[in-house]
Amino acid sequence: ATLAFRRHLWSYGFGVAEAMDTAQRGMGLDYPTAR
């Protein structure tokens, strides 16, 4: 589901900014999972 959402954004012409604060970096997303 996570990758499907990125394909949704790419289909509209956007680039994806990955593993940043929107992805809960520092608020639930630990580094091994972020990597």
Full PDB file with SEQRES, HELIX, SHEET, SSBOND, CRYST1, ORIGX, SCALE, CONECT and MASTER records, all heavy atoms in Angstrom:
SEQRES   1 A   35  ALA THR LEU ALA PHE ARG ARG HIS LEU TRP SER TYR GLY          
SEQRES   2 A   35  PHE GLY VAL ALA GLU ALA MET ASP THR ALA GLN ARG GLY          
SEQRES   3 A   35  MET GLY LEU ASP TYR PRO THR ALA ARG                          
HELIX    1 AA1 THR A    2  SER A   11  1                                  10    
HELIX    2 AA2 ASP A   21  ALA A   23  5                                   3    
HELIX    3 AA3 TYR A   31  ALA A   34  1                                   4    
CRYST1    1.000    1.000    1.000  90.00  90.00  90.00 P 1           1          
ORIGX1      1.000000  0.000000  0.000000        0.00000                         
ORIGX2      0.000000  1.000000  0.000000        0.00000                         
ORIGX3      0.000000  0.000000  1.000000        0.00000                         
SCALE1      1.000000  0.000000  0.000000        0.00000                         
SCALE2      0.000000  1.000000  0.000000        0.00000                         
SCALE3      0.000000  0.000000  1.000000        0.00000                         
ATOM      1  N   ALA A   1       0.826  -1.208   0.000  1.00  0.00           N  
ATOM      2  CA  ALA A   1       0.000   0.000   0.000  1.00  0.00           C  
ATOM      3  C   ALA A   1       0.862   1.260   0.000  1.00  0.00           C  
ATOM      4  O   ALA A   1       0.518   2.265  -0.640  1.00  0.00           O  
ATOM      5  CB  ALA A   1      -0.928  -0.007   1.211  1.00  0.00           C  
ATOM      6  N   THR A   2       1.987   1.213   0.697  1.00  0.00           N  
ATOM      7  CA  THR A   2       2.892   2.364   0.739  1.00  0.00           C  
ATOM      8  C   THR A   2       3.449   2.668  -0.644  1.00  0.00           C  
ATOM      9  O   THR A   2       3.463   3.826  -1.087  1.00  0.00           O  
ATOM     10  CB  THR A   2       4.032   2.092   1.732  1.00  0.00           C  
ATOM     11  OG1 THR A   2       3.477   2.038   3.060  1.00  0.00           O  
ATOM     12  CG2 THR A   2       5.090   3.168   1.683  1.00  0.00           C  
ATOM     13  N   LEU A   3       3.886   1.648  -1.360  1.00  0.00           N  
ATOM     14  CA  LEU A   3       4.431   1.868  -2.701  1.00  0.00           C  
ATOM     15  C   LEU A   3       3.339   2.218  -3.699  1.00  0.00           C  
ATOM     16  O   LEU A   3       3.567   3.001  -4.636  1.00  0.00           O  
ATOM     17  CB  LEU A   3       5.212   0.645  -3.159  1.00  0.00           C  
ATOM     18  CG  LEU A   3       6.482   0.362  -2.349  1.00  0.00           C  
ATOM     19  CD1 LEU A   3       7.127  -0.941  -2.800  1.00  0.00           C  
ATOM     20  CD2 LEU A   3       7.480   1.517  -2.461  1.00  0.00           C  
ATOM     21  N   ALA A   4       2.145   1.685  -3.515  1.00  0.00           N  
ATOM     22  CA  ALA A   4       1.026   2.043  -4.403  1.00  0.00           C  
ATOM     23  C   ALA A   4       0.723   3.532  -4.295  1.00  0.00           C  
ATOM     24  O   ALA A   4       0.404   4.186  -5.308  1.00  0.00           O  
ATOM     25  CB  ALA A   4      -0.206   1.223  -4.059  1.00  0.00           C  
ATOM     26  N   PHE A   5       0.819   4.093  -3.089  1.00  0.00           N  
ATOM     27  CA  PHE A   5       0.564   5.525  -2.937  1.00  0.00           C  
ATOM     28  C   PHE A   5       1.636   6.343  -3.653  1.00  0.00           C  
ATOM     29  O   PHE A   5       1.345   7.381  -4.256  1.00  0.00           O  
ATOM     30  CB  PHE A   5       0.501   5.909  -1.463  1.00  0.00           C  
ATOM     31  CG  PHE A   5       0.071   7.329  -1.254  1.00  0.00           C  
ATOM     32  CD1 PHE A   5      -1.240   7.712  -1.468  1.00  0.00           C  
ATOM     33  CD2 PHE A   5       0.986   8.301  -0.869  1.00  0.00           C  
ATOM     34  CE1 PHE A   5      -1.645   9.029  -1.307  1.00  0.00           C  
ATOM     35  CE2 PHE A   5       0.600   9.616  -0.701  1.00  0.00           C  
ATOM     36  CZ  PHE A   5      -0.725   9.983  -0.915  1.00  0.00           C  
ATOM     37  N   ARG A   6       2.875   5.892  -3.634  1.00  0.00           N  
ATOM     38  CA  ARG A   6       3.911   6.607  -4.373  1.00  0.00           C  
ATOM     39  C   ARG A   6       3.663   6.541  -5.877  1.00  0.00           C  
ATOM     40  O   ARG A   6       3.869   7.530  -6.587  1.00  0.00           O  
ATOM     41  CB  ARG A   6       5.288   6.030  -4.013  1.00  0.00           C  
ATOM     42  CG  ARG A   6       5.782   6.588  -2.668  1.00  0.00           C  
ATOM     43  CD  ARG A   6       6.249   5.535  -1.719  1.00  0.00           C  
ATOM     44  NE  ARG A   6       6.625   6.141  -0.442  1.00  0.00           N  
ATOM     45  CZ  ARG A   6       5.745   6.443   0.540  1.00  0.00           C  
ATOM     46  NH1 ARG A   6       4.445   6.170   0.389  1.00  0.00           N  
ATOM     47  NH2 ARG A   6       6.152   7.027   1.672  1.00  0.00           N  
ATOM     48  N   ARG A   7       3.191   5.414  -6.365  1.00  0.00           N  
ATOM     49  CA  ARG A   7       2.866   5.329  -7.797  1.00  0.00           C  
ATOM     50  C   ARG A   7       1.715   6.264  -8.150  1.00  0.00           C  
ATOM     51  O   ARG A   7       1.689   6.839  -9.251  1.00  0.00           O  
ATOM     52  CB  ARG A   7       2.540   3.879  -8.177  1.00  0.00           C  
ATOM     53  CG  ARG A   7       3.753   2.950  -8.064  1.00  0.00           C  
ATOM     54  CD  ARG A   7       3.461   1.560  -8.592  1.00  0.00           C  
ATOM     55  NE  ARG A   7       4.622   0.684  -8.393  1.00  0.00           N  
ATOM     56  CZ  ARG A   7       4.767  -0.158  -7.377  1.00  0.00           C  
ATOM     57  NH1 ARG A   7       3.798  -0.281  -6.454  1.00  0.00           N  
ATOM     58  NH2 ARG A   7       5.859  -0.895  -7.264  1.00  0.00           N  
ATOM     59  N   HIS A   8       0.770   6.421  -7.244  1.00  0.00           N  
ATOM     60  CA  HIS A   8      -0.306   7.394  -7.427  1.00  0.00           C  
ATOM     61  C   HIS A   8       0.274   8.796  -7.607  1.00  0.00           C  
ATOM     62  O   HIS A   8      -0.106   9.535  -8.536  1.00  0.00           O  
ATOM     63  CB  HIS A   8      -1.250   7.330  -6.216  1.00  0.00           C  
ATOM     64  CG  HIS A   8      -2.034   8.568  -5.943  1.00  0.00           C  
ATOM     65  ND1 HIS A   8      -3.101   8.964  -6.720  1.00  0.00           N  
ATOM     66  CD2 HIS A   8      -1.903   9.506  -4.957  1.00  0.00           C  
ATOM     67  CE1 HIS A   8      -3.602  10.085  -6.234  1.00  0.00           C  
ATOM     68  NE2 HIS A   8      -2.894  10.436  -5.168  1.00  0.00           N  
ATOM     69  N   LEU A   9       1.224   9.200  -6.764  1.00  0.00           N  
ATOM     70  CA  LEU A   9       1.815  10.530  -6.876  1.00  0.00           C  
ATOM     71  C   LEU A   9       2.622  10.677  -8.159  1.00  0.00           C  
ATOM     72  O   LEU A   9       2.549  11.699  -8.844  1.00  0.00           O  
ATOM     73  CB  LEU A   9       2.699  10.805  -5.656  1.00  0.00           C  
ATOM     74  CG  LEU A   9       1.969  10.892  -4.312  1.00  0.00           C  
ATOM     75  CD1 LEU A   9       2.976  10.996  -3.175  1.00  0.00           C  
ATOM     76  CD2 LEU A   9       0.999  12.068  -4.280  1.00  0.00           C  
ATOM     77  N   TRP A  10       3.412   9.658  -8.494  1.00  0.00           N  
ATOM     78  CA  TRP A  10       4.175   9.726  -9.739  1.00  0.00           C  
ATOM     79  C   TRP A  10       3.255   9.821 -10.945  1.00  0.00           C  
ATOM     80  O   TRP A  10       3.579  10.505 -11.926  1.00  0.00           O  
ATOM     81  CB  TRP A  10       5.076   8.487  -9.856  1.00  0.00           C  
ATOM     82  CG  TRP A  10       6.235   8.485  -8.915  1.00  0.00           C  
ATOM     83  CD1 TRP A  10       6.990   9.561  -8.534  1.00  0.00           C  
ATOM     84  CD2 TRP A  10       6.796   7.358  -8.235  1.00  0.00           C  
ATOM     85  NE1 TRP A  10       7.970   9.168  -7.653  1.00  0.00           N  
ATOM     86  CE2 TRP A  10       7.880   7.828  -7.455  1.00  0.00           C  
ATOM     87  CE3 TRP A  10       6.494   5.985  -8.225  1.00  0.00           C  
ATOM     88  CZ2 TRP A  10       8.659   6.968  -6.673  1.00  0.00           C  
ATOM     89  CZ3 TRP A  10       7.264   5.138  -7.441  1.00  0.00           C  
ATOM     90  CH2 TRP A  10       8.337   5.623  -6.673  1.00  0.00           C  
ATOM     91  N   SER A  11       2.097   9.156 -10.905  1.00  0.00           N  
ATOM     92  CA  SER A  11       1.188   9.178 -12.051  1.00  0.00           C  
ATOM     93  C   SER A  11       0.667  10.580 -12.330  1.00  0.00           C  
ATOM     94  O   SER A  11       0.274  10.889 -13.452  1.00  0.00           O  
ATOM     95  CB  SER A  11       0.006   8.220 -11.823  1.00  0.00           C  
ATOM     96  OG  SER A  11      -0.948   8.763 -10.930  1.00  0.00           O  
ATOM     97  N   TYR A  12       0.657  11.432 -11.314  1.00  0.00           N  
ATOM     98  CA  TYR A  12       0.222  12.815 -11.490  1.00  0.00           C  
ATOM     99  C   TYR A  12       1.349  13.749 -11.889  1.00  0.00           C  
ATOM    100  O   TYR A  12       1.129  14.945 -12.078  1.00  0.00           O  
ATOM    101  CB  TYR A  12      -0.459  13.318 -10.217  1.00  0.00           C  
ATOM    102  CG  TYR A  12      -1.907  12.907 -10.138  1.00  0.00           C  
ATOM    103  CD1 TYR A  12      -2.280  11.728  -9.523  1.00  0.00           C  
ATOM    104  CD2 TYR A  12      -2.904  13.691 -10.723  1.00  0.00           C  
ATOM    105  CE1 TYR A  12      -3.606  11.333  -9.464  1.00  0.00           C  
ATOM    106  CE2 TYR A  12      -4.227  13.308 -10.678  1.00  0.00           C  
ATOM    107  CZ  TYR A  12      -4.579  12.130 -10.043  1.00  0.00           C  
ATOM    108  OH  TYR A  12      -5.897  11.744 -10.006  1.00  0.00           O  
ATOM    109  N   GLY A  13       2.567  13.257 -11.984  1.00  0.00           N  
ATOM    110  CA  GLY A  13       3.685  14.086 -12.404  1.00  0.00           C  
ATOM    111  C   GLY A  13       4.591  14.558 -11.289  1.00  0.00           C  
ATOM    112  O   GLY A  13       5.579  15.247 -11.546  1.00  0.00           O  
ATOM    113  N   PHE A  14       4.272  14.225 -10.048  1.00  0.00           N  
ATOM    114  CA  PHE A  14       5.095  14.657  -8.916  1.00  0.00           C  
ATOM    115  C   PHE A  14       6.294  13.740  -8.726  1.00  0.00           C  
ATOM    116  O   PHE A  14       6.238  12.543  -9.008  1.00  0.00           O  
ATOM    117  CB  PHE A  14       4.272  14.661  -7.626  1.00  0.00           C  
ATOM    118  CG  PHE A  14       3.179  15.690  -7.612  1.00  0.00           C  
ATOM    119  CD1 PHE A  14       1.871  15.333  -7.855  1.00  0.00           C  
ATOM    120  CD2 PHE A  14       3.478  17.027  -7.382  1.00  0.00           C  
ATOM    121  CE1 PHE A  14       0.860  16.281  -7.868  1.00  0.00           C  
ATOM    122  CE2 PHE A  14       2.476  17.979  -7.393  1.00  0.00           C  
ATOM    123  CZ  PHE A  14       1.167  17.610  -7.642  1.00  0.00           C  
ATOM    124  N   GLY A  15       7.387  14.305  -8.200  1.00  0.00           N  
ATOM    125  CA  GLY A  15       8.407  13.493  -7.595  1.00  0.00           C  
ATOM    126  C   GLY A  15       7.968  13.147  -6.183  1.00  0.00           C  
ATOM    127  O   GLY A  15       7.047  13.757  -5.634  1.00  0.00           O  
ATOM    128  N   VAL A  16       8.629  12.181  -5.584  1.00  0.00           N  
ATOM    129  CA  VAL A  16       8.338  11.796  -4.202  1.00  0.00           C  
ATOM    130  C   VAL A  16       9.519  12.181  -3.326  1.00  0.00           C  
ATOM    131  O   VAL A  16      10.668  11.874  -3.649  1.00  0.00           O  
ATOM    132  CB  VAL A  16       8.037  10.288  -4.089  1.00  0.00           C  
ATOM    133  CG1 VAL A  16       8.113   9.812  -2.644  1.00  0.00           C  
ATOM    134  CG2 VAL A  16       6.664   9.971  -4.679  1.00  0.00           C  
ATOM    135  N   ALA A  17       9.218  12.860  -2.221  1.00  0.00           N  
ATOM    136  CA  ALA A  17      10.195  13.111  -1.171  1.00  0.00           C  
ATOM    137  C   ALA A  17       9.986  12.038  -0.114  1.00  0.00           C  
ATOM    138  O   ALA A  17       8.962  12.015   0.559  1.00  0.00           O  
ATOM    139  CB  ALA A  17      10.016  14.501  -0.586  1.00  0.00           C  
ATOM    140  N   GLU A  18      10.940  11.147  -0.024  1.00  0.00           N  
ATOM    141  CA  GLU A  18      10.790   9.925   0.765  1.00  0.00           C  
ATOM    142  C   GLU A  18      11.443  10.049   2.142  1.00  0.00           C  
ATOM    143  O   GLU A  18      12.453  10.735   2.302  1.00  0.00           O  
ATOM    144  CB  GLU A  18      11.410   8.743   0.002  1.00  0.00           C  
ATOM    145  CG  GLU A  18      11.113   7.391   0.595  1.00  0.00           C  
ATOM    146  CD  GLU A  18       9.618   7.170   0.759  1.00  0.00           C  
ATOM    147  OE1 GLU A  18       9.060   7.599   1.787  1.00  0.00           O  
ATOM    148  OE2 GLU A  18       9.016   6.577  -0.151  1.00  0.00           O  
ATOM    149  N   ALA A  19      10.831   9.344   3.112  1.00  0.00           N  
ATOM    150  CA  ALA A  19      11.401   9.182   4.452  1.00  0.00           C  
ATOM    151  C   ALA A  19      11.715  10.518   5.108  1.00  0.00           C  
ATOM    152  O   ALA A  19      12.742  10.683   5.767  1.00  0.00           O  
ATOM    153  CB  ALA A  19      12.651   8.297   4.395  1.00  0.00           C  
ATOM    154  N   MET A  20      10.789  11.460   4.941  1.00  0.00           N  
ATOM    155  CA  MET A  20      10.948  12.762   5.578  1.00  0.00           C  
ATOM    156  C   MET A  20       9.923  12.896   6.703  1.00  0.00           C  
ATOM    157  O   MET A  20       9.374  11.910   7.169  1.00  0.00           O  
ATOM    158  CB  MET A  20      10.876  13.859   4.532  1.00  0.00           C  
ATOM    159  CG  MET A  20      11.995  13.724   3.512  1.00  0.00           C  
ATOM    160  SD  MET A  20      12.217  15.128   2.431  1.00  0.00           S  
ATOM    161  CE  MET A  20      12.626  16.422   3.581  1.00  0.00           C  
ATOM    162  N   ASP A  21       9.653  14.120   7.168  1.00  0.00           N  
ATOM    163  CA  ASP A  21       8.810  14.236   8.350  1.00  0.00           C  
ATOM    164  C   ASP A  21       7.373  13.786   8.080  1.00  0.00           C  
ATOM    165  O   ASP A  21       6.703  13.281   8.983  1.00  0.00           O  
ATOM    166  CB  ASP A  21       8.846  15.649   8.933  1.00  0.00           C  
ATOM    167  CG  ASP A  21       8.556  16.735   7.918  1.00  0.00           C  
ATOM    168  OD1 ASP A  21       9.332  16.852   6.946  1.00  0.00           O  
ATOM    169  OD2 ASP A  21       7.580  17.478   8.093  1.00  0.00           O  
ATOM    170  N   THR A  22       6.888  13.910   6.835  1.00  0.00           N  
ATOM    171  CA  THR A  22       5.542  13.415   6.533  1.00  0.00           C  
ATOM    172  C   THR A  22       5.446  11.908   6.747  1.00  0.00           C  
ATOM    173  O   THR A  22       4.383  11.394   7.106  1.00  0.00           O  
ATOM    174  CB  THR A  22       5.141  13.767   5.086  1.00  0.00           C  
ATOM    175  OG1 THR A  22       5.277  15.178   4.896  1.00  0.00           O  
ATOM    176  CG2 THR A  22       3.710  13.362   4.791  1.00  0.00           C  
ATOM    177  N   ALA A  23       6.528  11.193   6.530  1.00  0.00           N  
ATOM    178  CA  ALA A  23       6.572   9.747   6.754  1.00  0.00           C  
ATOM    179  C   ALA A  23       6.803   9.405   8.228  1.00  0.00           C  
ATOM    180  O   ALA A  23       7.155   8.274   8.544  1.00  0.00           O  
ATOM    181  CB  ALA A  23       7.658   9.111   5.894  1.00  0.00           C  
ATOM    182  N   GLN A  24       6.583  10.395   9.109  1.00  0.00           N  
ATOM    183  CA  GLN A  24       6.709  10.223  10.555  1.00  0.00           C  
ATOM    184  C   GLN A  24       8.141   9.991  11.001  1.00  0.00           C  
ATOM    185  O   GLN A  24       8.398   9.307  11.987  1.00  0.00           O  
ATOM    186  CB  GLN A  24       5.782   9.125  11.087  1.00  0.00           C  
ATOM    187  CG  GLN A  24       4.306   9.425  10.903  1.00  0.00           C  
ATOM    188  CD  GLN A  24       3.431   8.301  11.414  1.00  0.00           C  
ATOM    189  OE1 GLN A  24       2.658   7.733  10.669  1.00  0.00           O  
ATOM    190  NE2 GLN A  24       3.544   7.973  12.695  1.00  0.00           N  
ATOM    191  N   ARG A  25       9.075  10.567  10.266  1.00  0.00           N  
ATOM    192  CA  ARG A  25      10.472  10.502  10.687  1.00  0.00           C  
ATOM    193  C   ARG A  25      10.599  11.196  12.036  1.00  0.00           C  
ATOM    194  O   ARG A  25      10.254  12.366  12.192  1.00  0.00           O  
ATOM    195  CB  ARG A  25      11.345  11.184   9.628  1.00  0.00           C  
ATOM    196  CG  ARG A  25      12.810  10.818   9.689  1.00  0.00           C  
ATOM    197  CD  ARG A  25      13.039   9.417   9.125  1.00  0.00           C  
ATOM    198  NE  ARG A  25      14.450   9.078   9.173  1.00  0.00           N  
ATOM    199  CZ  ARG A  25      15.279   9.252   8.141  1.00  0.00           C  
ATOM    200  NH1 ARG A  25      14.840   9.754   6.997  1.00  0.00           N  
ATOM    201  NH2 ARG A  25      16.548   8.890   8.248  1.00  0.00           N  
ATOM    202  N   GLY A  26      11.051  10.470  13.035  1.00  0.00           N  
ATOM    203  CA  GLY A  26      11.150  11.015  14.372  1.00  0.00           C  
ATOM    204  C   GLY A  26       9.852  10.984  15.152  1.00  0.00           C  
ATOM    205  O   GLY A  26       9.807  11.404  16.307  1.00  0.00           O  
ATOM    206  N   MET A  27       8.788  10.472  14.559  1.00  0.00           N  
ATOM    207  CA  MET A  27       7.491  10.369  15.239  1.00  0.00           C  
ATOM    208  C   MET A  27       6.849   9.019  14.933  1.00  0.00           C  
ATOM    209  O   MET A  27       5.673   8.947  14.592  1.00  0.00           O  
ATOM    210  CB  MET A  27       6.558  11.514  14.833  1.00  0.00           C  
ATOM    211  CG  MET A  27       6.982  12.877  15.340  1.00  0.00           C  
ATOM    212  SD  MET A  27       5.762  14.177  15.013  1.00  0.00           S  
ATOM    213  CE  MET A  27       4.452  13.728  16.171  1.00  0.00           C  
ATOM    214  N   GLY A  28       7.644   7.966  15.021  1.00  0.00           N  
ATOM    215  CA  GLY A  28       7.109   6.628  14.814  1.00  0.00           C  
ATOM    216  C   GLY A  28       7.868   5.792  13.811  1.00  0.00           C  
ATOM    217  O   GLY A  28       7.834   4.564  13.871  1.00  0.00           O  
ATOM    218  N   LEU A  29       8.561   6.437  12.844  1.00  0.00           N  
ATOM    219  CA  LEU A  29       9.319   5.697  11.834  1.00  0.00           C  
ATOM    220  C   LEU A  29      10.769   5.594  12.284  1.00  0.00           C  
ATOM    221  O   LEU A  29      11.492   6.585  12.292  1.00  0.00           O  
ATOM    222  CB  LEU A  29       9.233   6.392  10.474  1.00  0.00           C  
ATOM    223  CG  LEU A  29       9.806   5.590   9.308  1.00  0.00           C  
ATOM    224  CD1 LEU A  29       8.879   4.433   8.934  1.00  0.00           C  
ATOM    225  CD2 LEU A  29      10.034   6.486   8.095  1.00  0.00           C  
ATOM    226  N   ASP A  30      11.201   4.415  12.686  1.00  0.00           N  
ATOM    227  CA  ASP A  30      12.575   4.211  13.126  1.00  0.00           C  
ATOM    228  C   ASP A  30      13.509   4.113  11.926  1.00  0.00           C  
ATOM    229  O   ASP A  30      13.068   3.883  10.794  1.00  0.00           O  
ATOM    230  CB  ASP A  30      12.666   2.934  13.963  1.00  0.00           C  
ATOM    231  CG  ASP A  30      12.109   1.723  13.232  1.00  0.00           C  
ATOM    232  OD1 ASP A  30      10.871   1.574  13.196  1.00  0.00           O  
ATOM    233  OD2 ASP A  30      12.905   0.947  12.669  1.00  0.00           O  
ATOM    234  N   TYR A  31      14.825   4.279  12.165  1.00  0.00           N  
ATOM    235  CA  TYR A  31      15.734   4.337  11.019  1.00  0.00           C  
ATOM    236  C   TYR A  31      15.836   3.044  10.226  1.00  0.00           C  
ATOM    237  O   TYR A  31      15.874   3.091   8.989  1.00  0.00           O  
ATOM    238  CB  TYR A  31      17.143   4.829  11.403  1.00  0.00           C  
ATOM    239  CG  TYR A  31      17.966   4.957  10.150  1.00  0.00           C  
ATOM    240  CD1 TYR A  31      17.567   5.844   9.150  1.00  0.00           C  
ATOM    241  CD2 TYR A  31      19.045   4.127   9.901  1.00  0.00           C  
ATOM    242  CE1 TYR A  31      18.259   5.938   7.953  1.00  0.00           C  
ATOM    243  CE2 TYR A  31      19.741   4.214   8.707  1.00  0.00           C  
ATOM    244  CZ  TYR A  31      19.337   5.115   7.729  1.00  0.00           C  
ATOM    245  OH  TYR A  31      19.997   5.192   6.538  1.00  0.00           O  
ATOM    246  N   PRO A  32      15.904   1.845  10.827  1.00  0.00           N  
ATOM    247  CA  PRO A  32      15.948   0.644   9.986  1.00  0.00           C  
ATOM    248  C   PRO A  32      14.773   0.567   9.005  1.00  0.00           C  
ATOM    249  O   PRO A  32      14.949   0.184   7.842  1.00  0.00           O  
ATOM    250  CB  PRO A  32      15.910  -0.495  11.006  1.00  0.00           C  
ATOM    251  CG  PRO A  32      16.545   0.071  12.225  1.00  0.00           C  
ATOM    252  CD  PRO A  32      16.070   1.505  12.273  1.00  0.00           C  
ATOM    253  N   THR A  33      13.583   0.957   9.449  1.00  0.00           N  
ATOM    254  CA  THR A  33      12.429   0.945   8.545  1.00  0.00           C  
ATOM    255  C   THR A  33      12.551   2.055   7.507  1.00  0.00           C  
ATOM    256  O   THR A  33      12.201   1.868   6.341  1.00  0.00           O  
ATOM    257  CB  THR A  33      11.124   1.087   9.342  1.00  0.00           C  
ATOM    258  OG1 THR A  33      11.113   0.139  10.406  1.00  0.00           O  
ATOM    259  CG2 THR A  33       9.921   0.841   8.453  1.00  0.00           C  
ATOM    260  N   ALA A  34      13.054   3.219   7.919  1.00  0.00           N  
ATOM    261  CA  ALA A  34      13.247   4.313   6.963  1.00  0.00           C  
ATOM    262  C   ALA A  34      14.239   3.912   5.875  1.00  0.00           C  
ATOM    263  O   ALA A  34      14.039   4.217   4.688  1.00  0.00           O  
ATOM    264  CB  ALA A  34      13.741   5.556   7.707  1.00  0.00           C  
ATOM    265  N   ARG A  35      15.318   3.239   6.248  1.00  0.00           N  
ATOM    266  CA  ARG A  35      16.310   2.795   5.260  1.00  0.00           C  
ATOM    267  C   ARG A  35      15.685   1.821   4.267  1.00  0.00           C  
ATOM    268  O   ARG A  35      15.908   1.915   3.051  1.00  0.00           O  
ATOM    269  CB  ARG A  35      17.483   2.144   5.989  1.00  0.00           C  
ATOM    270  CG  ARG A  35      18.612   1.667   5.072  1.00  0.00           C  
ATOM    271  CD  ARG A  35      19.782   1.173   5.896  1.00  0.00           C  
ATOM    272  NE  ARG A  35      19.357   0.158   6.851  1.00  0.00           N  
ATOM    273  CZ  ARG A  35      19.908  -0.014   8.047  1.00  0.00           C  
ATOM    274  NH1 ARG A  35      20.899   0.765   8.462  1.00  0.00           N  
ATOM    275  NH2 ARG A  35      19.475  -0.966   8.852  1.00  0.00           N  
TER     276      ARG A  35                                                      
MASTER        0    0    0    3    0    0    0    6  275    1    0    3          
END                                                                             
